Amino acid sequence: MKSVLKVSNMNNLNDVNKIRNLISQNEGVVACYVDRKSSIIELIYDEYLLKLDDIIDSMESLGYIIV
């Protein structure tokens, strides 16, 4: 499954690295691209192993706002 998320408070390279590391730790993530300039995350994952809501919840627990 491919999903695109918009993060409203991703401001610097440190945020990009935190988000990339957080997402890549989940079993079922195939690919993750984080674009700081457009605040977009493109994610390819296996729906059988991972739900999009789980990814969103984990990002929000770190203080990021998903639009």
N, C-alpha and C. Protein backbone atom coordinates (compact mmCIF):
# COMPACT_ATOMS: atom_id res chain seq x y z
N MET A 1 0.85 -1.16 0.00
CA MET A 1 0.00 0.00 0.00
C MET A 1 0.90 1.23 0.00
N LYS A 2 0.50 2.23 -0.77
CA LYS A 2 1.25 3.49 -0.79
C LYS A 2 0.38 4.58 -0.16
N SER A 3 0.98 5.37 0.71
CA SER A 3 0.28 6.49 1.35
C SER A 3 1.16 7.72 1.34
N VAL A 4 0.52 8.87 1.32
CA VAL A 4 1.23 10.14 1.39
C VAL A 4 0.67 10.89 2.60
N LEU A 5 1.57 11.32 3.47
CA LEU A 5 1.19 12.07 4.67
C LEU A 5 1.78 13.47 4.61
N LYS A 6 1.04 14.43 5.10
CA LYS A 6 1.52 15.81 5.19
C LYS A 6 1.75 16.11 6.66
N VAL A 7 2.95 16.57 6.99
CA VAL A 7 3.32 16.89 8.37
C VAL A 7 3.46 18.41 8.47
N SER A 8 2.65 19.02 9.33
CA SER A 8 2.66 20.49 9.37
C SER A 8 3.83 21.08 10.15
N ASN A 9 4.45 20.34 11.03
CA ASN A 9 5.52 20.91 11.85
C ASN A 9 6.85 20.18 11.69
N MET A 10 7.18 19.81 10.46
CA MET A 10 8.49 19.22 10.15
C MET A 10 9.35 20.36 9.61
N ASN A 11 10.29 20.84 10.42
CA ASN A 11 10.99 22.08 10.09
C ASN A 11 12.44 21.96 9.68
N ASN A 12 13.11 20.93 10.15
CA ASN A 12 14.55 20.87 9.88
C ASN A 12 15.01 19.43 9.63
N LEU A 13 16.29 19.28 9.36
CA LEU A 13 16.85 17.98 9.04
C LEU A 13 16.75 17.01 10.22
N ASN A 14 16.82 17.51 11.42
CA ASN A 14 16.66 16.67 12.61
C ASN A 14 15.28 16.04 12.63
N ASP A 15 14.24 16.80 12.28
CA ASP A 15 12.88 16.26 12.21
C ASP A 15 12.79 15.17 11.14
N VAL A 16 13.40 15.41 10.00
CA VAL A 16 13.39 14.43 8.91
C VAL A 16 14.03 13.12 9.38
N ASN A 17 15.16 13.22 10.04
CA ASN A 17 15.85 12.01 10.52
C ASN A 17 15.04 11.28 11.58
N LYS A 18 14.42 12.03 12.50
CA LYS A 18 13.58 11.41 13.53
C LYS A 18 12.42 10.65 12.91
N ILE A 19 11.75 11.29 11.96
CA ILE A 19 10.59 10.68 11.32
C ILE A 19 11.01 9.46 10.51
N ARG A 20 12.08 9.57 9.75
CA ARG A 20 12.56 8.44 8.94
C ARG A 20 12.92 7.26 9.84
N ASN A 21 13.62 7.52 10.94
CA ASN A 21 13.99 6.44 11.85
C ASN A 21 12.77 5.81 12.52
N LEU A 22 11.82 6.64 12.92
CA LEU A 22 10.61 6.14 13.56
C LEU A 22 9.84 5.23 12.62
N ILE A 23 9.65 5.66 11.39
CA ILE A 23 8.88 4.88 10.42
C ILE A 23 9.61 3.61 10.03
N SER A 24 10.90 3.69 9.81
CA SER A 24 11.65 2.52 9.34
C SER A 24 11.76 1.43 10.41
N GLN A 25 11.52 1.75 11.67
CA GLN A 25 11.57 0.75 12.73
C GLN A 25 10.36 -0.18 12.72
N ASN A 26 9.30 0.20 12.01
CA ASN A 26 8.09 -0.61 11.97
C ASN A 26 8.23 -1.77 11.00
N GLU A 27 7.85 -2.95 11.46
CA GLU A 27 7.85 -4.11 10.58
C GLU A 27 6.76 -3.92 9.52
N GLY A 28 7.10 -4.15 8.29
CA GLY A 28 6.14 -4.00 7.20
C GLY A 28 6.40 -2.79 6.33
N VAL A 29 7.30 -1.90 6.75
CA VAL A 29 7.65 -0.74 5.92
C VAL A 29 8.59 -1.19 4.82
N VAL A 30 8.20 -0.90 3.58
CA VAL A 30 9.01 -1.29 2.43
C VAL A 30 9.90 -0.12 2.01
N ALA A 31 9.33 1.09 1.97
CA ALA A 31 10.09 2.28 1.56
C ALA A 31 9.48 3.51 2.21
N CYS A 32 10.35 4.49 2.46
CA CYS A 32 9.91 5.73 3.08
C CYS A 32 10.72 6.88 2.51
N TYR A 33 10.04 7.89 1.99
CA TYR A 33 10.70 9.09 1.47
C TYR A 33 10.14 10.28 2.22
N VAL A 34 11.03 11.08 2.81
CA VAL A 34 10.62 12.26 3.59
C VAL A 34 11.18 13.49 2.89
N ASP A 35 10.28 14.40 2.49
CA ASP A 35 10.67 15.63 1.82
C ASP A 35 10.39 16.82 2.75
N ARG A 36 11.47 17.41 3.26
CA ARG A 36 11.33 18.50 4.23
C ARG A 36 10.70 19.74 3.60
N LYS A 37 11.08 20.07 2.39
CA LYS A 37 10.60 21.32 1.76
C LYS A 37 9.10 21.31 1.56
N SER A 38 8.54 20.20 1.17
CA SER A 38 7.09 20.13 0.96
C SER A 38 6.37 19.52 2.16
N SER A 39 7.11 19.09 3.18
CA SER A 39 6.55 18.47 4.39
C SER A 39 5.72 17.24 4.08
N ILE A 40 6.17 16.47 3.10
CA ILE A 40 5.46 15.27 2.66
C ILE A 40 6.26 14.02 3.00
N ILE A 41 5.53 12.98 3.41
CA ILE A 41 6.12 11.66 3.62
C ILE A 41 5.41 10.71 2.67
N GLU A 42 6.18 10.05 1.81
CA GLU A 42 5.64 9.00 0.95
C GLU A 42 6.07 7.67 1.55
N LEU A 43 5.11 6.81 1.72
CA LEU A 43 5.34 5.59 2.47
C LEU A 43 4.76 4.40 1.70
N ILE A 44 5.55 3.35 1.57
CA ILE A 44 5.07 2.10 1.00
C ILE A 44 5.22 1.04 2.09
N TYR A 45 4.13 0.36 2.37
CA TYR A 45 4.14 -0.59 3.48
C TYR A 45 3.19 -1.75 3.18
N ASP A 46 3.35 -2.81 3.94
CA ASP A 46 2.52 -4.00 3.83
C ASP A 46 1.35 -3.86 4.80
N GLU A 47 0.14 -3.74 4.26
CA GLU A 47 -1.06 -3.55 5.09
C GLU A 47 -1.31 -4.73 6.03
N TYR A 48 -0.83 -5.87 5.66
CA TYR A 48 -1.03 -7.05 6.49
C TYR A 48 -0.25 -6.94 7.81
N LEU A 49 0.91 -6.32 7.76
CA LEU A 49 1.78 -6.21 8.94
C LEU A 49 1.64 -4.89 9.69
N LEU A 50 1.15 -3.86 9.00
CA LEU A 50 1.18 -2.52 9.58
C LEU A 50 -0.01 -1.70 9.10
N LYS A 51 -0.62 -0.98 10.00
CA LYS A 51 -1.75 -0.11 9.67
C LYS A 51 -1.27 1.34 9.66
N LEU A 52 -1.81 2.12 8.75
CA LEU A 52 -1.44 3.53 8.63
C LEU A 52 -1.72 4.28 9.93
N ASP A 53 -2.81 3.94 10.60
CA ASP A 53 -3.14 4.60 11.87
C ASP A 53 -2.05 4.39 12.92
N ASP A 54 -1.40 3.24 12.90
CA ASP A 54 -0.32 2.98 13.85
C ASP A 54 0.87 3.91 13.59
N ILE A 55 1.17 4.14 12.34
CA ILE A 55 2.26 5.05 11.98
C ILE A 55 1.91 6.47 12.40
N ILE A 56 0.70 6.89 12.10
CA ILE A 56 0.25 8.24 12.46
C ILE A 56 0.28 8.42 13.97
N ASP A 57 -0.21 7.44 14.72
CA ASP A 57 -0.21 7.52 16.19
C ASP A 57 1.21 7.65 16.74
N SER A 58 2.14 6.89 16.19
CA SER A 58 3.52 6.94 16.69
C SER A 58 4.15 8.30 16.38
N MET A 59 3.84 8.88 15.23
CA MET A 59 4.38 10.20 14.89
C MET A 59 3.76 11.28 15.78
N GLU A 60 2.47 11.18 16.03
CA GLU A 60 1.81 12.16 16.89
C GLU A 60 2.30 12.05 18.33
N SER A 61 2.71 10.86 18.75
CA SER A 61 3.24 10.71 20.11
C SER A 61 4.57 11.44 20.28
N LEU A 62 5.28 11.68 19.17
CA LEU A 62 6.53 12.47 19.20
C LEU A 62 6.26 13.96 19.04
N GLY A 63 5.00 14.34 18.84
CA GLY A 63 4.67 15.75 18.75
C GLY A 63 4.46 16.27 17.34
N TYR A 64 4.50 15.41 16.33
CA TYR A 64 4.27 15.86 14.96
C TYR A 64 2.78 15.89 14.66
N ILE A 65 2.39 16.85 13.84
CA ILE A 65 0.99 17.03 13.50
C ILE A 65 0.78 16.59 12.05
N ILE A 66 -0.04 15.56 11.88
CA ILE A 66 -0.36 15.03 10.56
C ILE A 66 -1.63 15.71 10.09
N VAL A 67 -1.55 16.30 8.89
CA VAL A 67 -2.69 17.04 8.35
C VAL A 67 -3.50 16.11 7.48
